[in-house]
Amino acid sequence: FFPMLKDFLQTYKYQEASTADFGKVAEKHFGQSLQWFFDQWIEDGGMPILKWAHDVVQEDGTWVLKLEAKQEQKKYRLVVPIYVHFPGDKVVVRPWVIEGESATRSLKLPSKPDSVSLNDNLEALVILKNLRAL
């Protein structure tokens, strides 16, 4: 990320640069089209609203975390961290890639957690709302 910013600043030093100019430099550094990103965050604006719910169940002697999410309004491409809190202040963090209107995810756990939360450190730009229980 920082090498990309440095390249952008050096390339357009003392010049006007457009969002499209920034996009070209970013795509060069990330090696893929970022049009979805610019459409989602720059052109359309707004903030994603994610309703979510979870359940922890035991299946065949293994604890399983089941998650469900639904997006309100626009459908964003998101990566939201899942925080699984265990006894003794142990925390496991896993990414949850959400694309489209709804998403589900299951994680096998080593033991029953004390709690489950999303985005504890505000890593993702998203408004979270509790959904009904699974």
Protein backbone atom coordinates (compact mmCIF):
# COMPACT_ATOMS: atom_id res chain seq x y z
CA PHE A 1 0.00 0.00 0.00
CA PHE A 2 2.67 2.52 0.98
CA PRO A 3 4.86 1.88 -2.10
CA MET A 4 1.73 2.51 -4.20
CA LEU A 5 1.10 5.82 -2.43
CA LYS A 6 4.73 6.85 -2.88
CA ASP A 7 4.54 6.01 -6.61
CA PHE A 8 1.32 8.00 -6.96
CA LEU A 9 2.78 11.04 -5.20
CA GLN A 10 5.98 10.93 -7.25
CA THR A 11 4.14 10.40 -10.54
CA TYR A 12 1.75 13.31 -10.02
CA LYS A 13 4.02 15.65 -8.08
CA TYR A 14 2.95 19.26 -8.74
CA GLN A 15 0.14 18.08 -11.04
CA GLU A 16 -3.58 17.65 -10.75
CA ALA A 17 -4.53 13.99 -10.50
CA SER A 18 -7.94 12.45 -10.93
CA THR A 19 -9.52 9.46 -9.26
CA ALA A 20 -8.88 7.57 -12.51
CA ASP A 21 -5.16 8.48 -12.28
CA PHE A 22 -5.03 7.13 -8.74
CA GLY A 23 -6.84 3.98 -9.90
CA LYS A 24 -4.25 3.31 -12.62
CA VAL A 25 -1.38 3.49 -10.13
CA ALA A 26 -3.25 1.34 -7.61
CA GLU A 27 -4.05 -1.32 -10.21
CA LYS A 28 -0.41 -1.40 -11.31
CA HIS A 29 0.69 -2.16 -7.74
CA PHE A 30 -2.11 -4.59 -6.86
CA GLY A 31 -1.89 -6.42 -10.19
CA GLN A 32 -5.61 -6.56 -10.82
CA SER A 33 -8.60 -4.43 -11.71
CA LEU A 34 -9.87 -2.39 -8.77
CA GLN A 35 -12.87 -1.01 -10.63
CA TRP A 36 -15.23 -2.71 -8.13
CA PHE A 37 -13.48 -0.84 -5.30
CA PHE A 38 -13.76 2.57 -6.95
CA ASP A 39 -17.38 1.92 -7.99
CA GLN A 40 -18.27 0.82 -4.46
CA TRP A 41 -16.42 3.34 -2.32
CA ILE A 42 -15.77 6.39 -4.51
CA GLU A 43 -18.49 6.65 -7.16
CA ASP A 44 -21.50 5.33 -5.23
CA GLY A 45 -20.50 6.37 -1.71
CA GLY A 46 -22.40 5.44 1.40
CA MET A 47 -21.58 2.85 4.01
CA PRO A 48 -22.50 -0.83 4.12
CA ILE A 49 -25.02 -2.02 6.68
CA LEU A 50 -24.64 -5.66 7.66
CA LYS A 51 -27.19 -7.61 9.71
CA TRP A 52 -25.64 -10.72 11.20
CA ALA A 53 -26.32 -13.61 13.54
CA HIS A 54 -24.40 -16.60 14.82
CA ASP A 55 -24.88 -19.87 16.60
CA VAL A 56 -22.43 -22.29 18.20
CA VAL A 57 -23.44 -25.94 17.96
CA GLN A 58 -21.84 -29.27 18.64
CA GLU A 59 -21.68 -31.60 15.64
CA ASP A 60 -20.06 -35.04 15.90
CA GLY A 61 -18.18 -34.00 19.04
CA THR A 62 -16.80 -30.79 17.45
CA TRP A 63 -17.88 -27.23 18.22
CA VAL A 64 -18.96 -25.37 15.08
CA LEU A 65 -19.59 -21.65 14.70
CA LYS A 66 -22.28 -20.87 12.13
CA LEU A 67 -22.62 -17.33 10.85
CA GLU A 68 -25.21 -15.68 8.64
CA ALA A 69 -25.24 -12.14 7.22
CA LYS A 70 -27.51 -10.02 5.06
CA GLN A 71 -26.63 -6.65 3.57
CA GLU A 72 -29.11 -3.80 3.53
CA GLN A 73 -29.38 -1.41 0.59
CA LYS A 74 -26.38 -1.71 -1.73
CA LYS A 75 -24.43 -4.94 -1.95
CA TYR A 76 -20.81 -4.33 -1.00
CA ARG A 77 -17.78 -6.57 -1.32
CA LEU A 78 -16.52 -6.78 2.28
CA VAL A 79 -13.93 -8.50 4.39
CA VAL A 80 -15.10 -8.46 8.01
CA PRO A 81 -13.03 -10.01 10.81
CA ILE A 82 -14.69 -12.62 13.01
CA TYR A 83 -13.53 -12.59 16.64
CA VAL A 84 -14.03 -15.82 18.59
CA HIS A 85 -13.42 -15.27 22.31
CA PHE A 86 -12.43 -18.28 24.44
CA PRO A 87 -11.88 -18.65 28.20
CA GLY A 88 -8.58 -17.27 29.47
CA ASP A 89 -8.62 -14.21 27.19
CA LYS A 90 -7.72 -16.31 24.13
CA VAL A 91 -9.06 -14.79 20.92
CA VAL A 92 -9.04 -16.28 17.43
CA VAL A 93 -9.59 -13.94 14.47
CA ARG A 94 -10.67 -15.14 11.01
CA PRO A 95 -11.66 -13.14 7.91
CA TRP A 96 -15.16 -13.37 6.49
CA VAL A 97 -15.44 -12.42 2.81
CA ILE A 98 -18.95 -11.22 2.06
CA GLU A 99 -20.05 -10.57 -1.51
CA GLY A 100 -23.63 -10.00 -2.51
CA GLU A 101 -26.87 -9.81 -0.57
CA SER A 102 -26.24 -12.63 1.89
CA ALA A 103 -23.46 -14.87 3.14
CA THR A 104 -22.89 -17.79 5.46
CA ARG A 105 -19.75 -19.17 7.07
CA SER A 106 -18.95 -22.09 9.32
CA LEU A 107 -15.82 -22.54 11.43
CA LYS A 108 -14.75 -25.59 13.40
CA LEU A 109 -13.63 -24.58 16.88
CA PRO A 110 -11.29 -26.27 19.37
CA SER A 111 -13.75 -25.68 22.23
CA LYS A 112 -16.90 -23.78 23.09
CA PRO A 113 -16.28 -20.02 22.94
CA ASP A 114 -17.39 -17.48 25.52
CA SER A 115 -18.57 -15.09 22.81
CA VAL A 116 -18.40 -14.22 19.12
CA SER A 117 -18.17 -10.72 17.66
CA LEU A 118 -17.33 -8.97 14.41
CA ASN A 119 -15.01 -6.09 13.65
CA ASP A 120 -13.79 -5.59 17.24
CA ASN A 121 -11.01 -3.20 16.24
CA LEU A 122 -13.04 -1.44 13.52
CA GLU A 123 -10.91 -2.90 10.72
CA ALA A 124 -13.83 -2.87 8.26
CA LEU A 125 -15.89 0.18 7.37
CA VAL A 126 -19.32 -1.27 8.11
CA ILE A 127 -22.37 -0.68 10.31
CA LEU A 128 -23.29 -3.89 12.15
CA LYS A 129 -26.78 -4.83 13.31
CA ASN A 130 -27.93 -7.98 15.08
CA LEU A 131 -30.06 -10.26 12.99
CA ARG A 132 -32.52 -12.72 14.48
CA ALA A 133 -30.94 -15.82 16.00
CA LEU A 134 -30.09 -18.63 13.58
